[in-house]
Amino acid sequence: MSPDDLLDDIAEDLAAAGVIAGAMFGKRALKAGGTAFACLKGDDLAFRLGAGTRDHDEALAMAGAELFDPSGKGRPFKDWVAVPIALASEWPRLARTALDRARS
C-alpha cells in the first residue's frame, strides 16, 4: 500500500471526528478545524506531537523517525516527528494522538 493510500485510510477512519485531507506546504496533510496535525512527505508521515511530550519522545525513538523538516534545508519543526512507512502500522495511533493534541 502506498503512503497516499495509507493517508487516505487514516483520513477515512477519522472523518467522523471532523478530520479532512488537505495540504500543508504543498504536501498532503490531515487537518481538523483548519489545523494540520499530520503531513505526508515522501514515504514518511509526520505528526505534530509537541516537543518534550512523552508521545513526541516515544515517536522520535522509533527506528528511522526524525524531526520533520518540510523544506529539507535543515530547519526541522521541533513539535513534529516524521515516521517512516516501515512503521506504518503505528501511523493510525500516532494520528489519533496528534489529533487529540491539536484539539487540546
PDB file of N, CA and C in Angstrom:
ATOM      1  N   MET A   1       0.852  -1.181   0.000  1.00  0.00           N
ATOM      2  CA  MET A   1       0.000   0.000   0.000  1.00  0.00           C
ATOM      3  C   MET A   1       0.896   1.241   0.000  1.00  0.00           C
ATOM      4  N   SER A   2       0.540   2.219  -0.790  1.00  0.00           N
ATOM      5  CA  SER A   2       1.346   3.438  -0.901  1.00  0.00           C
ATOM      6  C   SER A   2       1.104   4.365   0.293  1.00  0.00           C
ATOM      7  N   PRO A   3       2.029   5.294   0.538  1.00  0.00           N
ATOM      8  CA  PRO A   3       1.814   6.274   1.608  1.00  0.00           C
ATOM      9  C   PRO A   3       0.523   7.069   1.406  1.00  0.00           C
ATOM     10  N   ASP A   4       0.206   7.407   0.154  1.00  0.00           N
ATOM     11  CA  ASP A   4      -1.035   8.138  -0.121  1.00  0.00           C
ATOM     12  C   ASP A   4      -2.259   7.319   0.255  1.00  0.00           C
ATOM     13  N   ASP A   5      -2.228   6.024  -0.067  1.00  0.00           N
ATOM     14  CA  ASP A   5      -3.348   5.144   0.284  1.00  0.00           C
ATOM     15  C   ASP A   5      -3.509   5.040   1.799  1.00  0.00           C
ATOM     16  N   LEU A   6      -2.388   4.925   2.494  1.00  0.00           N
ATOM     17  CA  LEU A   6      -2.430   4.841   3.957  1.00  0.00           C
ATOM     18  C   LEU A   6      -2.989   6.132   4.559  1.00  0.00           C
ATOM     19  N   LEU A   7      -2.578   7.273   4.008  1.00  0.00           N
ATOM     20  CA  LEU A   7      -3.102   8.558   4.488  1.00  0.00           C
ATOM     21  C   LEU A   7      -4.609   8.632   4.251  1.00  0.00           C
ATOM     22  N   ASP A   8      -5.048   8.183   3.080  1.00  0.00           N
ATOM     23  CA  ASP A   8      -6.484   8.175   2.784  1.00  0.00           C
ATOM     24  C   ASP A   8      -7.249   7.301   3.771  1.00  0.00           C
ATOM     25  N   ASP A   9      -6.690   6.140   4.112  1.00  0.00           N
ATOM     26  CA  ASP A   9      -7.342   5.249   5.073  1.00  0.00           C
ATOM     27  C   ASP A   9      -7.467   5.913   6.446  1.00  0.00           C
ATOM     28  N   ILE A  10      -6.413   6.579   6.873  1.00  0.00           N
ATOM     29  CA  ILE A  10      -6.448   7.263   8.170  1.00  0.00           C
ATOM     30  C   ILE A  10      -7.476   8.391   8.141  1.00  0.00           C
ATOM     31  N   ALA A  11      -7.499   9.153   7.047  1.00  0.00           N
ATOM     32  CA  ALA A  11      -8.474  10.239   6.915  1.00  0.00           C
ATOM     33  C   ALA A  11      -9.897   9.686   6.977  1.00  0.00           C
ATOM     34  N   GLU A  12     -10.132   8.574   6.324  1.00  0.00           N
ATOM     35  CA  GLU A  12     -11.461   7.959   6.340  1.00  0.00           C
ATOM     36  C   GLU A  12     -11.832   7.484   7.742  1.00  0.00           C
ATOM     37  N   ASP A  13     -10.871   6.875   8.431  1.00  0.00           N
ATOM     38  CA  ASP A  13     -11.124   6.389   9.790  1.00  0.00           C
ATOM     39  C   ASP A  13     -11.433   7.533  10.761  1.00  0.00           C
ATOM     40  N   LEU A  14     -10.846   8.697  10.523  1.00  0.00           N
ATOM     41  CA  LEU A  14     -11.023   9.831  11.435  1.00  0.00           C
ATOM     42  C   LEU A  14     -12.043  10.850  10.946  1.00  0.00           C
ATOM     43  N   ALA A  15     -12.690  10.572   9.828  1.00  0.00           N
ATOM     44  CA  ALA A  15     -13.653  11.522   9.246  1.00  0.00           C
ATOM     45  C   ALA A  15     -14.782  11.857  10.211  1.00  0.00           C
ATOM     46  N   ALA A  16     -15.251  10.876  10.967  1.00  0.00           N
ATOM     47  CA  ALA A  16     -16.330  11.116  11.925  1.00  0.00           C
ATOM     48  C   ALA A  16     -15.912  12.103  13.014  1.00  0.00           C
ATOM     49  N   ALA A  17     -14.601  12.239  13.215  1.00  0.00           N
ATOM     50  CA  ALA A  17     -14.081  13.183  14.215  1.00  0.00           C
ATOM     51  C   ALA A  17     -13.816  14.553  13.591  1.00  0.00           C
ATOM     52  N   GLY A  18     -14.260  14.758  12.339  1.00  0.00           N
ATOM     53  CA  GLY A  18     -14.104  16.051  11.693  1.00  0.00           C
ATOM     54  C   GLY A  18     -12.797  16.234  10.951  1.00  0.00           C
ATOM     55  N   VAL A  19     -12.082  15.146  10.729  1.00  0.00           N
ATOM     56  CA  VAL A  19     -10.797  15.224  10.036  1.00  0.00           C
ATOM     57  C   VAL A  19     -11.019  15.239   8.532  1.00  0.00           C
ATOM     58  N   ILE A  20     -10.276  16.112   7.859  1.00  0.00           N
ATOM     59  CA  ILE A  20     -10.318  16.168   6.403  1.00  0.00           C
ATOM     60  C   ILE A  20      -8.896  16.107   5.861  1.00  0.00           C
ATOM     61  N   ALA A  21      -8.765  15.632   4.636  1.00  0.00           N
ATOM     62  CA  ALA A  21      -7.477  15.667   3.951  1.00  0.00           C
ATOM     63  C   ALA A  21      -7.328  17.043   3.331  1.00  0.00           C
ATOM     64  N   GLY A  22      -6.154  17.594   3.438  1.00  0.00           N
ATOM     65  CA  GLY A  22      -5.879  18.914   2.875  1.00  0.00           C
ATOM     66  C   GLY A  22      -4.424  18.997   2.472  1.00  0.00           C
ATOM     67  N   ALA A  23      -3.864  20.182   2.548  1.00  0.00           N
ATOM     68  CA  ALA A  23      -2.470  20.380   2.174  1.00  0.00           C
ATOM     69  C   ALA A  23      -1.771  21.291   3.170  1.00  0.00           C
ATOM     70  N   MET A  24      -0.472  21.082   3.298  1.00  0.00           N
ATOM     71  CA  MET A  24       0.397  21.914   4.124  1.00  0.00           C
ATOM     72  C   MET A  24       1.745  21.955   3.421  1.00  0.00           C
ATOM     73  N   PHE A  25       2.224  23.130   3.108  1.00  0.00           N
ATOM     74  CA  PHE A  25       3.490  23.284   2.382  1.00  0.00           C
ATOM     75  C   PHE A  25       3.494  22.513   1.069  1.00  0.00           C
ATOM     76  N   GLY A  26       2.344  22.430   0.427  1.00  0.00           N
ATOM     77  CA  GLY A  26       2.242  21.731  -0.841  1.00  0.00           C
ATOM     78  C   GLY A  26       2.262  20.225  -0.717  1.00  0.00           C
ATOM     79  N   LYS A  27       2.161  19.716   0.496  1.00  0.00           N
ATOM     80  CA  LYS A  27       2.157  18.282   0.738  1.00  0.00           C
ATOM     81  C   LYS A  27       0.800  17.883   1.306  1.00  0.00           C
ATOM     82  N   ARG A  28       0.415  16.638   1.101  1.00  0.00           N
ATOM     83  CA  ARG A  28      -0.861  16.162   1.634  1.00  0.00           C
ATOM     84  C   ARG A  28      -0.811  16.153   3.151  1.00  0.00           C
ATOM     85  N   ALA A  29      -1.912  16.532   3.760  1.00  0.00           N
ATOM     86  CA  ALA A  29      -1.963  16.636   5.215  1.00  0.00           C
ATOM     87  C   ALA A  29      -3.335  16.243   5.730  1.00  0.00           C
ATOM     88  N   LEU A  30      -3.404  15.988   7.019  1.00  0.00           N
ATOM     89  CA  LEU A  30      -4.672  15.770   7.721  1.00  0.00           C
ATOM     90  C   LEU A  30      -4.911  16.985   8.600  1.00  0.00           C
ATOM     91  N   LYS A  31      -6.143  17.483   8.564  1.00  0.00           N
ATOM     92  CA  LYS A  31      -6.495  18.676   9.327  1.00  0.00           C
ATOM     93  C   LYS A  31      -7.784  18.460  10.105  1.00  0.00           C
ATOM     94  N   ALA A  32      -7.883  19.180  11.190  1.00  0.00           N
ATOM     95  CA  ALA A  32      -9.108  19.225  11.987  1.00  0.00           C
ATOM     96  C   ALA A  32      -9.301  20.669  12.415  1.00  0.00           C
ATOM     97  N   GLY A  33     -10.461  21.224  12.104  1.00  0.00           N
ATOM     98  CA  GLY A  33     -10.719  22.619  12.458  1.00  0.00           C
ATOM     99  C   GLY A  33      -9.726  23.572  11.831  1.00  0.00           C
ATOM    100  N   GLY A  34      -9.224  23.247  10.656  1.00  0.00           N
ATOM    101  CA  GLY A  34      -8.271  24.100   9.965  1.00  0.00           C
ATOM    102  C   GLY A  34      -6.829  23.944  10.413  1.00  0.00           C
ATOM    103  N   THR A  35      -6.584  23.105  11.405  1.00  0.00           N
ATOM    104  CA  THR A  35      -5.238  22.912  11.931  1.00  0.00           C
ATOM    105  C   THR A  35      -4.673  21.590  11.445  1.00  0.00           C
ATOM    106  N   ALA A  36      -3.498  21.640  10.819  1.00  0.00           N
ATOM    107  CA  ALA A  36      -2.833  20.420  10.364  1.00  0.00           C
ATOM    108  C   ALA A  36      -2.203  19.707  11.557  1.00  0.00           C
ATOM    109  N   PHE A  37      -2.355  18.398  11.587  1.00  0.00           N
ATOM    110  CA  PHE A  37      -1.743  17.612  12.657  1.00  0.00           C
ATOM    111  C   PHE A  37      -0.924  16.441  12.123  1.00  0.00           C
ATOM    112  N   ALA A  38      -1.004  16.187  10.823  1.00  0.00           N
ATOM    113  CA  ALA A  38      -0.193  15.152  10.177  1.00  0.00           C
ATOM    114  C   ALA A  38       0.087  15.609   8.751  1.00  0.00           C
ATOM    115  N   CYS A  39       1.289  15.295   8.263  1.00  0.00           N
ATOM    116  CA  CYS A  39       1.690  15.750   6.926  1.00  0.00           C
ATOM    117  C   CYS A  39       2.572  14.689   6.270  1.00  0.00           C
ATOM    118  N   LEU A  40       2.256  14.367   5.041  1.00  0.00           N
ATOM    119  CA  LEU A  40       2.987  13.362   4.283  1.00  0.00           C
ATOM    120  C   LEU A  40       4.146  14.017   3.546  1.00  0.00           C
ATOM    121  N   LYS A  41       5.319  13.418   3.673  1.00  0.00           N
ATOM    122  CA  LYS A  41       6.486  13.880   2.906  1.00  0.00           C
ATOM    123  C   LYS A  41       7.219  12.643   2.417  1.00  0.00           C
ATOM    124  N   GLY A  42       7.086  12.380   1.144  1.00  0.00           N
ATOM    125  CA  GLY A  42       7.689  11.172   0.593  1.00  0.00           C
ATOM    126  C   GLY A  42       7.043   9.950   1.215  1.00  0.00           C
ATOM    127  N   ASP A  43       7.859   9.082   1.767  1.00  0.00           N
ATOM    128  CA  ASP A  43       7.361   7.865   2.409  1.00  0.00           C
ATOM    129  C   ASP A  43       7.225   8.004   3.923  1.00  0.00           C
ATOM    130  N   ASP A  44       7.329   9.220   4.429  1.00  0.00           N
ATOM    131  CA  ASP A  44       7.182   9.475   5.865  1.00  0.00           C
ATOM    132  C   ASP A  44       5.871  10.212   6.117  1.00  0.00           C
ATOM    133  N   LEU A  45       5.266   9.914   7.248  1.00  0.00           N
ATOM    134  CA  LEU A  45       4.127  10.700   7.703  1.00  0.00           C
ATOM    135  C   LEU A  45       4.557  11.371   8.998  1.00  0.00           C
ATOM    136  N   ALA A  46       4.478  12.687   9.008  1.00  0.00           N
ATOM    137  CA  ALA A  46       4.895  13.468  10.175  1.00  0.00           C
ATOM    138  C   ALA A  46       3.678  13.809  11.022  1.00  0.00           C
ATOM    139  N   PHE A  47       3.869  13.809  12.312  1.00  0.00           N
ATOM    140  CA  PHE A  47       2.803  14.060  13.277  1.00  0.00           C
ATOM    141  C   PHE A  47       3.215  15.180  14.221  1.00  0.00           C
ATOM    142  N   ARG A  48       2.284  16.084  14.480  1.00  0.00           N
ATOM    143  CA  ARG A  48       2.542  17.171  15.437  1.00  0.00           C
ATOM    144  C   ARG A  48       2.192  16.649  16.828  1.00  0.00           C
ATOM    145  N   LEU A  49       3.236  16.292  17.575  1.00  0.00           N
ATOM    146  CA  LEU A  49       3.044  15.643  18.869  1.00  0.00           C
ATOM    147  C   LEU A  49       3.454  16.518  20.049  1.00  0.00           C
ATOM    148  N   GLY A  50       4.128  17.627  19.785  1.00  0.00           N
ATOM    149  CA  GLY A  50       4.521  18.533  20.866  1.00  0.00           C
ATOM    150  C   GLY A  50       5.863  18.178  21.463  1.00  0.00           C
ATOM    151  N   ALA A  51       6.864  18.985  21.188  1.00  0.00           N
ATOM    152  CA  ALA A  51       8.214  18.753  21.713  1.00  0.00           C
ATOM    153  C   ALA A  51       8.178  18.604  23.222  1.00  0.00           C
ATOM    154  N   GLY A  52       8.919  17.631  23.703  1.00  0.00           N
ATOM    155  CA  GLY A  52       9.029  17.421  25.137  1.00  0.00           C
ATOM    156  C   GLY A  52       7.941  16.559  25.755  1.00  0.00           C
ATOM    157  N   THR A  53       6.948  16.172  24.956  1.00  0.00           N
ATOM    158  CA  THR A  53       5.903  15.299  25.493  1.00  0.00           C
ATOM    159  C   THR A  53       6.358  13.839  25.398  1.00  0.00           C
ATOM    160  N   ARG A  54       5.742  13.011  26.196  1.00  0.00           N
ATOM    161  CA  ARG A  54       6.058  11.583  26.170  1.00  0.00           C
ATOM    162  C   ARG A  54       5.794  11.002  24.782  1.00  0.00           C
ATOM    163  N   ASP A  55       4.677  11.394  24.167  1.00  0.00           N
ATOM    164  CA  ASP A  55       4.336  10.887  22.837  1.00  0.00           C
ATOM    165  C   ASP A  55       5.394  11.282  21.802  1.00  0.00           C
ATOM    166  N   HIS A  56       5.850  12.510  21.864  1.00  0.00           N
ATOM    167  CA  HIS A  56       6.886  13.000  20.948  1.00  0.00           C
ATOM    168  C   HIS A  56       8.175  12.210  21.145  1.00  0.00           C
ATOM    169  N   ASP A  57       8.585  12.065  22.399  1.00  0.00           N
ATOM    170  CA  ASP A  57       9.829  11.348  22.703  1.00  0.00           C
ATOM    171  C   ASP A  57       9.755   9.895  22.234  1.00  0.00           C
ATOM    172  N   GLU A  58       8.618   9.237  22.473  1.00  0.00           N
ATOM    173  CA  GLU A  58       8.462   7.843  22.051  1.00  0.00           C
ATOM    174  C   GLU A  58       8.483   7.710  20.534  1.00  0.00           C
ATOM    175  N   ALA A  59       7.832   8.619  19.838  1.00  0.00           N
ATOM    176  CA  ALA A  59       7.826   8.574  18.371  1.00  0.00           C
ATOM    177  C   ALA A  59       9.230   8.815  17.830  1.00  0.00           C
ATOM    178  N   LEU A  60       9.933   9.760  18.398  1.00  0.00           N
ATOM    179  CA  LEU A  60      11.277  10.089  17.936  1.00  0.00           C
ATOM    180  C   LEU A  60      12.254   8.935  18.174  1.00  0.00           C
ATOM    181  N   ALA A  61      11.966   8.100  19.159  1.00  0.00           N
ATOM    182  CA  ALA A  61      12.828   6.951  19.458  1.00  0.00           C
ATOM    183  C   ALA A  61      12.585   5.771  18.508  1.00  0.00           C
ATOM    184  N   MET A  62      11.544   5.830  17.687  1.00  0.00           N
ATOM    185  CA  MET A  62      11.265   4.746  16.746  1.00  0.00           C
ATOM    186  C   MET A  62      12.350   4.697  15.670  1.00  0.00           C
ATOM    187  N   ALA A  63      12.665   3.504  15.225  1.00  0.00           N
ATOM    188  CA  ALA A  63      13.704   3.308  14.209  1.00  0.00           C
ATOM    189  C   ALA A  63      13.380   4.096  12.944  1.00  0.00           C
ATOM    190  N   GLY A  64      14.289   4.977  12.549  1.00  0.00           N
ATOM    191  CA  GLY A  64      14.125   5.751  11.323  1.00  0.00           C
ATOM    192  C   GLY A  64      13.346   7.039  11.480  1.00  0.00           C
ATOM    193  N   ALA A  65      12.747   7.267  12.642  1.00  0.00           N
ATOM    194  CA  ALA A  65      11.984   8.502  12.871  1.00  0.00           C
ATOM    195  C   ALA A  65      12.950   9.667  13.083  1.00  0.00           C
ATOM    196  N   GLU A  66      12.496  10.857  12.698  1.00  0.00           N
ATOM    197  CA  GLU A  66      13.311  12.059  12.876  1.00  0.00           C
ATOM    198  C   GLU A  66      12.408  13.272  12.954  1.00  0.00           C
ATOM    199  N   LEU A  67      12.974  14.391  13.381  1.00  0.00           N
ATOM    200  CA  LEU A  67      12.199  15.623  13.375  1.00  0.00           C
ATOM    201  C   LEU A  67      11.820  15.947  11.932  1.00  0.00           C
ATOM    202  N   PHE A  68      10.627  16.467  11.752  1.00  0.00           N
ATOM    203  CA  PHE A  68      10.084  16.772  10.433  1.00  0.00           C
ATOM    204  C   PHE A  68      10.697  18.056   9.897  1.00  0.00           C
ATOM    205  N   ASP A  69      11.321  17.960   8.732  1.00  0.00           N
ATOM    206  CA  ASP A  69      11.935  19.095   8.066  1.00  0.00           C
ATOM    207  C   ASP A  69      11.265  19.265   6.701  1.00  0.00           C
ATOM    208  N   PRO A  70      10.133  19.982   6.650  1.00  0.00           N
ATOM    209  CA  PRO A  70       9.381  20.064   5.400  1.00  0.00           C
ATOM    210  C   PRO A  70      10.151  20.697   4.248  1.00  0.00           C
ATOM    211  N   SER A  71      11.085  21.594   4.547  1.00  0.00           N
ATOM    212  CA  SER A  71      11.838  22.252   3.478  1.00  0.00           C
ATOM    213  C   SER A  71      13.028  21.420   3.023  1.00  0.00           C
ATOM    214  N   GLY A  72      13.480  20.485   3.875  1.00  0.00           N
ATOM    215  CA  GLY A  72      14.664  19.704   3.557  1.00  0.00           C
ATOM    216  C   GLY A  72      15.946  20.512   3.648  1.00  0.00           C
ATOM    217  N   LYS A  73      15.885  21.653   4.326  1.00  0.00           N
ATOM    218  CA  LYS A  73      17.042  22.552   4.413  1.00  0.00           C
ATOM    219  C   LYS A  73      17.637  22.612   5.820  1.00  0.00           C
ATOM    220  N   GLY A  74      17.400  21.579   6.617  1.00  0.00           N
ATOM    221  CA  GLY A  74      17.986  21.542   7.949  1.00  0.00           C
ATOM    222  C   GLY A  74      17.319  22.446   8.956  1.00  0.00           C
ATOM    223  N   ARG A  75      16.013  22.720   8.737  1.00  0.00           N
ATOM    224  CA  ARG A  75      15.259  23.544   9.683  1.00  0.00           C
ATOM    225  C   ARG A  75      14.028  22.766  10.144  1.00  0.00           C
ATOM    226  N   PRO A  76      14.250  21.736  10.960  1.00  0.00           N
ATOM    227  CA  PRO A  76      13.113  20.901  11.361  1.00  0.00           C
ATOM    228  C   PRO A  76      12.165  21.618  12.314  1.00  0.00           C
ATOM    229  N   PHE A  77      10.927  21.171  12.286  1.00  0.00           N
ATOM    230  CA  PHE A  77       9.910  21.650  13.227  1.00  0.00           C
ATOM    231  C   PHE A  77      10.043  20.826  14.503  1.00  0.00           C
ATOM    232  N   LYS A  78      10.302  21.476  15.608  1.00  0.00           N
ATOM    233  CA  LYS A  78      10.579  20.753  16.850  1.00  0.00           C
ATOM    234  C   LYS A  78       9.365  19.986  17.386  1.00  0.00           C
ATOM    235  N   ASP A  79       8.152  20.408  17.057  1.00  0.00           N
ATOM    236  CA  ASP A  79       6.952  19.738  17.564  1.00  0.00           C
ATOM    237  C   ASP A  79       6.531  18.526  16.734  1.00  0.00           C
ATOM    238  N   TRP A  80       7.149  18.346  15.581  1.00  0.00           N
ATOM    239  CA  TRP A  80       6.732  17.327  14.625  1.00  0.00           C
ATOM    240  C   TRP A  80       7.761  16.202  14.517  1.00  0.00           C
ATOM    241  N   VAL A  81       7.253  14.956  14.402  1.00  0.00           N
ATOM    242  CA  VAL A  81       8.106  13.791  14.198  1.00  0.00           C
ATOM    243  C   VAL A  81       7.664  13.087  12.922  1.00  0.00           C
ATOM    244  N   ALA A  82       8.618  12.862  12.015  1.00  0.00           N
ATOM    245  CA  ALA A  82       8.360  12.134  10.773  1.00  0.00           C
ATOM    246  C   ALA A  82       8.663  10.660  11.001  1.00  0.00           C
ATOM    247  N   VAL A  83       7.678   9.815  10.736  1.00  0.00           N
ATOM    248  CA  VAL A  83       7.784   8.375  10.974  1.00  0.00           C
ATOM    249  C   VAL A  83       7.756   7.671   9.613  1.00  0.00           C
ATOM    250  N   PRO A  84       8.754   6.816   9.344  1.00  0.00           N
ATOM    251  CA  PRO A  84       8.841   6.184   8.029  1.00  0.00           C
ATOM    252  C   PRO A  84       7.745   5.146   7.783  1.00  0.00           C
ATOM    253  N   ILE A  85       7.519   4.863   6.510  1.00  0.00           N
ATOM    254  CA  ILE A  85       6.489   3.910   6.112  1.00  0.00           C
ATOM    255  C   ILE A  85       6.754   2.514   6.673  1.00  0.00           C
ATOM    256  N   ALA A  86       8.008   2.206   6.990  1.00  0.00           N
ATOM    257  CA  ALA A  86       8.317   0.915   7.601  1.00  0.00           C
ATOM    258  C   ALA A  86       7.554   0.730   8.914  1.00  0.00           C
ATOM    259  N   LEU A  87       7.131   1.833   9.525  1.00  0.00           N
ATOM    260  CA  LEU A  87       6.378   1.803  10.775  1.00  0.00           C
ATOM    261  C   LEU A  87       4.937   2.257  10.560  1.00  0.00           C
ATOM    262  N   ALA A  88       4.420   2.027   9.357  1.00  0.00           N
ATOM    263  CA  ALA A  88       3.061   2.468   9.012  1.00  0.00           C
ATOM    264  C   ALA A  88       1.999   1.881   9.939  1.00  0.00           C
ATOM    265  N   SER A  89       2.272   0.766  10.557  1.00  0.00           N
ATOM    266  CA  SER A  89       1.302   0.202  11.500  1.00  0.00           C
ATOM    267  C   SER A  89       1.089   1.118  12.700  1.00  0.00           C
ATOM    268  N   GLU A  90       2.044   2.011  12.964  1.00  0.00           N
ATOM    269  CA  GLU A  90       1.941   2.971  14.060  1.00  0.00           C
ATOM    270  C   GLU A  90       1.220   4.253  13.637  1.00  0.00           C
ATOM    271  N   TRP A  91       1.101   4.497  12.343  1.00  0.00           N
ATOM    272  CA  TRP A  91       0.535   5.756  11.860  1.00  0.00           C
ATOM    273  C   TRP A  91      -0.863   6.053  12.368  1.00  0.00           C
ATOM    274  N   PRO A  92      -1.798   5.094  12.342  1.00  0.00           N
ATOM    275  CA  PRO A  92      -3.147   5.428  12.837  1.00  0.00           C
ATOM    276  C   PRO A  92      -3.157   5.865  14.304  1.00  0.00           C
ATOM    277  N   ARG A  93      -2.390   5.179  15.138  1.00  0.00           N
ATOM    278  CA  ARG A  93      -2.335   5.530  16.565  1.00  0.00           C
ATOM    279  C   ARG A  93      -1.721   6.917  16.742  1.00  0.00           C
ATOM    280  N   LEU A  94      -0.638   7.181  16.026  1.00  0.00           N
ATOM    281  CA  LEU A  94       0.008   8.483  16.128  1.00  0.00           C
ATOM    282  C   LEU A  94      -0.889   9.595  15.598  1.00  0.00           C
ATOM    283  N   ALA A  95      -1.653   9.295  14.558  1.00  0.00           N
ATOM    284  CA  ALA A  95      -2.587  10.294  14.020  1.00  0.00           C
ATOM    285  C   ALA A  95      -3.647  10.643  15.057  1.00  0.00           C
ATOM    286  N   ARG A  96      -4.173   9.646  15.755  1.00  0.00           N
ATOM    287  CA  ARG A  96      -5.174   9.916  16.804  1.00  0.00           C
ATOM    288  C   ARG A  96      -4.565  10.745  17.931  1.00  0.00           C
ATOM    289  N   THR A  97      -3.332  10.414  18.297  1.00  0.00           N
ATOM    290  CA  THR A  97      -2.644  11.161  19.351  1.00  0.00           C
ATOM    291  C   THR A  97      -2.435  12.613  18.924  1.00  0.00           C
ATOM    292  N   ALA A  98      -1.987  12.816  17.693  1.00  0.00           N
ATOM    293  CA  ALA A  98      -1.760  14.167  17.186  1.00  0.00           C
ATOM    294  C   ALA A  98      -3.075  14.941  17.075  1.00  0.00           C
ATOM    295  N   LEU A  99      -4.141  14.251  16.676  1.00  0.00           N
ATOM    296  CA  LEU A  99      -5.450  14.888  16.605  1.00  0.00           C
ATOM    297  C   LEU A  99      -5.895  15.348  17.997  1.00  0.00           C
ATOM    298  N   ASP A 100      -5.753  14.480  18.984  1.00  0.00           N
ATOM    299  CA  ASP A 100      -6.107  14.850  20.357  1.00  0.00           C
ATOM    300  C   ASP A 100      -5.315  16.061  20.821  1.00  0.00           C
ATOM    301  N   ARG A 101      -4.038  16.097  20.492  1.00  0.00           N
ATOM    302  CA  ARG A 101      -3.177  17.211  20.901  1.00  0.00           C
ATOM    303  C   ARG A 101      -3.609  18.494  20.185  1.00  0.00           C
ATOM    304  N   ALA A 102      -3.988  18.385  18.915  1.00  0.00           N
ATOM    305  CA  ALA A 102      -4.409  19.563  18.147  1.00  0.00           C
ATOM    306  C   ALA A 102      -5.694  20.159  18.718  1.00  0.00           C
ATOM    307  N   ARG A 103      -6.498  19.330  19.323  1.00  0.00           N
ATOM    308  CA  ARG A 103      -7.772  19.793  19.873  1.00  0.00           C
ATOM    309  C   ARG A 103      -7.647  20.326  21.294  1.00  0.00           C
ATOM    310  N   SER A 104      -6.517  20.058  21.944  1.00  0.00           N
ATOM    311  CA  SER A 104      -6.383  20.497  23.354  1.00  0.00           C
ATOM    312  C   SER A 104      -5.766  21.874  23.464  1.00  0.00           C
TER     313      SER A 104
END
